[in-house]
C-alpha atoms as a PDB file:
ATOM      1  CA  MET A   1       0.533   0.262   0.022  1.00  0.00           C
ATOM      2  CA  LEU A   2       0.795   3.301  -0.825  1.00  0.00           C
ATOM      3  CA  VAL A   3      -0.557   6.509   0.407  1.00  0.00           C
ATOM      4  CA  VAL A   4      -0.086   9.939  -1.093  1.00  0.00           C
ATOM      5  CA  HIS A   5      -0.917  13.485   0.526  1.00  0.00           C
ATOM      6  CA  VAL A   6      -1.084  16.124  -2.271  1.00  0.00           C
ATOM      7  CA  PHE A   7      -1.372  19.258  -1.032  1.00  0.00           C
ATOM      8  CA  VAL A   8      -2.763  21.959  -2.835  1.00  0.00           C
ATOM      9  CA  HIS A   9      -3.496  25.995  -2.119  1.00  0.00           C
ATOM     10  CA  VAL A  10      -6.056  27.673  -4.772  1.00  0.00           C
ATOM     11  CA  LYS A  11      -6.729  30.441  -6.198  1.00  0.00           C
ATOM     12  CA  PRO A  12      -9.566  31.691  -3.701  1.00  0.00           C
ATOM     13  CA  GLU A  13     -12.016  32.658  -6.854  1.00  0.00           C
ATOM     14  CA  SER A  14     -11.189  29.272  -7.777  1.00  0.00           C
ATOM     15  CA  VAL A  15     -12.209  27.361  -5.136  1.00  0.00           C
ATOM     16  CA  GLU A  16     -15.627  26.316  -6.162  1.00  0.00           C
ATOM     17  CA  ALA A  17     -14.640  24.843  -9.638  1.00  0.00           C
ATOM     18  CA  PHE A  18     -11.349  23.322  -8.335  1.00  0.00           C
ATOM     19  CA  LYS A  19     -13.690  21.364  -5.638  1.00  0.00           C
ATOM     20  CA  ALA A  20     -16.304  20.457  -8.691  1.00  0.00           C
ATOM     21  CA  ALA A  21     -13.396  19.255 -10.786  1.00  0.00           C
ATOM     22  CA  SER A  22     -11.569  17.216  -7.798  1.00  0.00           C
ATOM     23  CA  MET A  23     -15.110  15.578  -6.849  1.00  0.00           C
ATOM     24  CA  GLU A  24     -15.545  14.836 -10.768  1.00  0.00           C
ATOM     25  CA  ASN A  25     -11.741  13.147 -10.234  1.00  0.00           C
ATOM     26  CA  ALA A  26     -12.309  11.246  -7.081  1.00  0.00           C
ATOM     27  CA  ARG A  27     -15.295   9.654  -8.016  1.00  0.00           C
ATOM     28  CA  ASN A  28     -13.844   8.613 -11.085  1.00  0.00           C
ATOM     29  CA  SER A  29     -10.356   7.424  -9.629  1.00  0.00           C
ATOM     30  CA  VAL A  30     -12.365   5.220  -6.777  1.00  0.00           C
ATOM     31  CA  GLN A  31     -13.588   2.907  -9.706  1.00  0.00           C
ATOM     32  CA  GLU A  32      -9.856   1.897 -10.565  1.00  0.00           C
ATOM     33  CA  PRO A  33      -8.959  -1.590  -9.283  1.00  0.00           C
ATOM     34  CA  GLY A  34      -5.453   0.243  -7.952  1.00  0.00           C
ATOM     35  CA  ILE A  35      -7.061   2.610  -5.621  1.00  0.00           C
ATOM     36  CA  ALA A  36      -8.280   1.599  -2.525  1.00  0.00           C
ATOM     37  CA  ARG A  37      -9.173   5.111  -1.399  1.00  0.00           C
ATOM     38  CA  PHE A  38      -9.210   8.845  -2.605  1.00  0.00           C
ATOM     39  CA  ASP A  39     -10.307  11.603  -0.270  1.00  0.00           C
ATOM     40  CA  VAL A  40     -10.492  15.437  -0.998  1.00  0.00           C
ATOM     41  CA  LEU A  41     -10.396  17.221   2.123  1.00  0.00           C
ATOM     42  CA  GLN A  42     -10.606  21.177   2.541  1.00  0.00           C
ATOM     43  CA  GLN A  43      -8.652  22.931   4.933  1.00  0.00           C
ATOM     44  CA  GLN A  44     -10.880  24.897   7.699  1.00  0.00           C
ATOM     45  CA  ASP A  45      -9.450  27.713   8.473  1.00  0.00           C
ATOM     46  CA  ASP A  46      -8.544  28.556   4.728  1.00  0.00           C
ATOM     47  CA  PRO A  47     -10.787  27.235   2.619  1.00  0.00           C
ATOM     48  CA  THR A  48      -8.327  27.653  -0.355  1.00  0.00           C
ATOM     49  CA  ARG A  49      -6.180  24.809   0.831  1.00  0.00           C
ATOM     50  CA  PHE A  50      -7.009  21.164   0.238  1.00  0.00           C
ATOM     51  CA  MET A  51      -5.484  17.953   0.615  1.00  0.00           C
ATOM     52  CA  LEU A  52      -6.080  14.990  -1.635  1.00  0.00           C
ATOM     53  CA  ILE A  53      -5.257  11.485   0.010  1.00  0.00           C
ATOM     54  CA  GLU A  54      -4.531   9.004  -2.409  1.00  0.00           C
ATOM     55  CA  VAL A  55      -4.141   5.199  -1.252  1.00  0.00           C
ATOM     56  CA  TYR A  56      -3.230   2.788  -3.664  1.00  0.00           C
ATOM     57  CA  ARG A  57      -3.039  -1.037  -3.543  1.00  0.00           C
ATOM     58  CA  GLY A  58       0.417  -1.384  -5.093  1.00  0.00           C
ATOM     59  CA  GLU A  59       3.823   0.795  -6.215  1.00  0.00           C
ATOM     60  CA  ASP A  60       2.776   0.694 -10.029  1.00  0.00           C
ATOM     61  CA  ASP A  61      -0.864   2.056  -9.336  1.00  0.00           C
ATOM     62  CA  PRO A  62       0.184   6.119  -9.209  1.00  0.00           C
ATOM     63  CA  ALA A  63       1.491   5.898 -12.864  1.00  0.00           C
ATOM     64  CA  ARG A  64      -1.577   3.921 -14.380  1.00  0.00           C
ATOM     65  CA  HIS A  65      -3.779   6.439 -12.245  1.00  0.00           C
ATOM     66  CA  LYS A  66      -2.396   9.518 -14.151  1.00  0.00           C
ATOM     67  CA  GLN A  67      -2.832   7.534 -17.394  1.00  0.00           C
ATOM     68  CA  THR A  68      -6.936   7.978 -16.858  1.00  0.00           C
ATOM     69  CA  ALA A  69      -8.554  10.227 -18.761  1.00  0.00           C
ATOM     70  CA  HIS A  70     -10.316  11.853 -15.565  1.00  0.00           C
ATOM     71  CA  TYR A  71      -7.044  12.220 -14.283  1.00  0.00           C
ATOM     72  CA  ALA A  72      -6.108  14.128 -17.798  1.00  0.00           C
ATOM     73  CA  ALA A  73      -8.973  15.913 -17.187  1.00  0.00           C
ATOM     74  CA  TRP A  74      -8.560  16.921 -13.639  1.00  0.00           C
ATOM     75  CA  ARG A  75      -4.891  17.681 -14.405  1.00  0.00           C
ATOM     76  CA  ASP A  76      -5.622  19.798 -17.389  1.00  0.00           C
ATOM     77  CA  SER A  77      -8.813  21.596 -15.795  1.00  0.00           C
ATOM     78  CA  VAL A  78      -6.978  23.044 -12.548  1.00  0.00           C
ATOM     79  CA  ALA A  79      -3.692  23.949 -14.173  1.00  0.00           C
ATOM     80  CA  ASP A  80      -4.451  27.771 -14.031  1.00  0.00           C
ATOM     81  CA  MET A  81      -6.572  27.111 -10.130  1.00  0.00           C
ATOM     82  CA  MET A  82      -3.468  26.892  -8.659  1.00  0.00           C
ATOM     83  CA  ALA A  83      -1.784  29.973  -6.173  1.00  0.00           C
ATOM     84  CA  GLU A  84       1.521  27.716  -6.291  1.00  0.00           C
ATOM     85  CA  PRO A  85       2.657  24.350  -7.472  1.00  0.00           C
ATOM     86  CA  ARG A  86       0.944  21.384  -5.748  1.00  0.00           C
ATOM     87  CA  THR A  87       3.324  19.177  -3.681  1.00  0.00           C
ATOM     88  CA  SER A  88       2.439  15.686  -2.381  1.00  0.00           C
ATOM     89  CA  VAL A  89       4.455  13.581   0.527  1.00  0.00           C
ATOM     90  CA  LYS A  90       4.205   9.435  -0.264  1.00  0.00           C
ATOM     91  CA  TYR A  91       3.502   7.493   2.977  1.00  0.00           C
ATOM     92  CA  SER A  92       3.540   3.516   3.859  1.00  0.00           C
ATOM     93  CA  ASN A  93       0.684   2.494   5.311  1.00  0.00           C
ATOM     94  CA  VAL A  94       1.336   0.855   9.054  1.00  0.00           C
ATOM     95  CA  PHE A  95      -2.395   0.590  10.215  1.00  0.00           C
ATOM     96  CA  PRO A  96      -5.162  -0.561   9.461  1.00  0.00           C
ATOM     97  CA  ASP A  97      -3.669  -3.556   7.099  1.00  0.00           C
ATOM     98  CA  GLU A  98      -4.796  -3.674   3.452  1.00  0.00           C
ATOM     99  CA  SER A  99      -8.255  -4.681   4.052  1.00  0.00           C
ATOM    100  CA  GLY A 100      -8.861  -1.854   6.511  1.00  0.00           C
ATOM    101  CA  TRP A 101      -8.618   0.590   3.368  1.00  0.00           C
ATOM    102  CA  ASP A 102     -11.392  -1.074   1.856  1.00  0.00           C
ATOM    103  CA  MET A 103     -14.210   0.663   0.955  1.00  0.00           C
ATOM    104  CA  PRO A 104     -17.461   0.741  -1.453  1.00  0.00           C
ATOM    105  CA  LYS A 105     -17.167   1.502  -4.778  1.00  0.00           C
ATOM    106  CA  THR A 106     -20.068   3.756  -5.221  1.00  0.00           C
ATOM    107  CA  GLY A 107     -18.714   6.650  -6.662  1.00  0.00           C
ATOM    108  CA  GLY A 108     -20.285   9.343  -4.290  1.00  0.00           C
END
Protein backbone atom coordinates (compact mmCIF):
# COMPACT_ATOMS: atom_id res chain seq x y z
CA MET A 1 0.00 0.00 0.00
CA LEU A 2 1.16 3.49 -0.89
CA VAL A 3 -0.52 6.54 0.62
CA VAL A 4 0.04 9.90 -1.04
CA HIS A 5 -0.94 13.23 0.49
CA VAL A 6 -1.20 15.95 -2.17
CA PHE A 7 -1.26 19.54 -0.91
CA VAL A 8 -2.99 22.10 -3.10
CA HIS A 9 -3.35 25.85 -2.65
CA VAL A 10 -5.87 27.34 -5.07
CA LYS A 11 -6.73 30.91 -5.98
CA PRO A 12 -9.67 32.23 -3.92
CA GLU A 13 -11.81 32.73 -7.01
CA SER A 14 -11.22 29.11 -8.05
CA VAL A 15 -12.27 27.31 -4.86
CA GLU A 16 -15.68 26.10 -6.06
CA ALA A 17 -14.44 25.11 -9.53
CA PHE A 18 -11.51 23.24 -7.98
CA LYS A 19 -13.83 21.38 -5.61
CA ALA A 20 -16.13 20.36 -8.46
CA ALA A 21 -13.27 19.16 -10.68
CA SER A 22 -11.59 17.30 -7.80
CA MET A 23 -14.79 15.58 -6.72
CA GLU A 24 -15.37 14.38 -10.29
CA ASN A 25 -11.81 13.07 -10.45
CA ALA A 26 -12.21 11.35 -7.07
CA ARG A 27 -15.52 9.70 -8.08
CA ASN A 28 -13.80 8.19 -11.11
CA SER A 29 -10.56 7.39 -9.30
CA VAL A 30 -12.21 5.17 -6.69
CA GLN A 31 -13.48 3.01 -9.55
CA GLU A 32 -9.89 2.12 -10.52
CA PRO A 33 -8.87 -1.35 -9.26
CA GLY A 34 -5.53 -0.02 -7.98
CA ILE A 35 -7.04 2.67 -5.79
CA ALA A 36 -8.31 1.72 -2.34
CA ARG A 37 -9.31 5.26 -1.34
CA PHE A 38 -9.29 8.78 -2.79
CA ASP A 39 -10.30 11.61 -0.44
CA VAL A 40 -10.66 15.33 -1.13
CA LEU A 41 -10.31 17.50 2.00
CA GLN A 42 -10.67 21.26 2.41
CA GLN A 43 -8.83 23.08 5.20
CA GLN A 44 -11.27 24.60 7.71
CA ASP A 45 -9.34 27.76 8.56
CA ASP A 46 -8.22 28.45 4.97
CA PRO A 47 -10.72 27.25 2.35
CA THR A 48 -8.19 27.83 -0.45
CA ARG A 49 -6.11 24.90 0.79
CA PHE A 50 -6.92 21.31 -0.02
CA MET A 51 -5.40 17.90 0.60
CA LEU A 52 -5.99 14.87 -1.57
CA ILE A 53 -5.39 11.55 0.17
CA GLU A 54 -4.75 8.85 -2.39
CA VAL A 55 -4.35 5.25 -1.24
CA TYR A 56 -2.90 2.92 -3.86
CA ARG A 57 -2.77 -0.85 -3.63
CA GLY A 58 0.64 -1.15 -5.31
CA GLU A 59 3.68 0.86 -6.32
CA ASP A 60 2.69 0.91 -10.02
CA ASP A 61 -0.86 2.13 -9.43
CA PRO A 62 -0.07 5.88 -9.23
CA ALA A 63 1.44 5.71 -12.73
CA ARG A 64 -1.65 3.85 -13.99
CA HIS A 65 -3.86 6.49 -12.40
CA LYS A 66 -1.98 9.26 -14.20
CA GLN A 67 -2.72 7.54 -17.54
CA THR A 68 -6.50 7.77 -17.11
CA ALA A 69 -8.69 10.23 -18.98
CA HIS A 70 -10.26 11.53 -15.76
CA TYR A 71 -6.86 12.36 -14.25
CA ALA A 72 -5.78 14.18 -17.45
CA ALA A 73 -9.06 16.14 -17.46
CA TRP A 74 -8.57 17.09 -13.78
CA ARG A 75 -4.90 18.02 -14.25
CA ASP A 76 -5.64 20.22 -17.25
CA SER A 77 -8.75 21.85 -15.79
CA VAL A 78 -7.16 22.82 -12.45
CA ALA A 79 -3.74 23.93 -13.75
CA ASP A 80 -4.67 27.62 -13.85
CA MET A 81 -6.54 27.41 -10.53
CA MET A 82 -3.37 26.81 -8.51
CA ALA A 83 -1.99 29.66 -6.39
CA GLU A 84 1.29 27.72 -6.28
CA PRO A 85 2.51 24.33 -7.55
CA ARG A 86 1.00 21.38 -5.69
CA THR A 87 3.26 19.22 -3.56
CA SER A 88 3.01 15.66 -2.32
CA VAL A 89 4.40 13.37 0.37
CA LYS A 90 4.41 9.57 0.05
CA TYR A 91 3.78 7.27 3.00
CA SER A 92 3.91 3.55 3.65
CA ASN A 93 0.86 2.08 5.32
CA VAL A 94 1.26 0.90 8.94
CA PHE A 95 -2.33 0.58 10.25
CA PRO A 96 -4.94 -0.52 9.34
CA ASP A 97 -3.78 -3.44 7.24
CA GLU A 98 -4.83 -3.63 3.58
CA SER A 99 -8.31 -4.97 4.32
CA GLY A 100 -9.00 -1.93 6.49
CA TRP A 101 -8.70 0.38 3.48
CA ASP A 102 -11.38 -1.28 1.39
CA MET A 103 -14.31 0.99 0.72
CA PRO A 104 -17.46 0.49 -1.33
CA LYS A 105 -17.12 1.59 -4.96
CA THR A 106 -20.24 3.74 -4.93
CA GLY A 107 -18.80 6.78 -6.66
CA GLY A 108 -20.32 9.29 -4.41
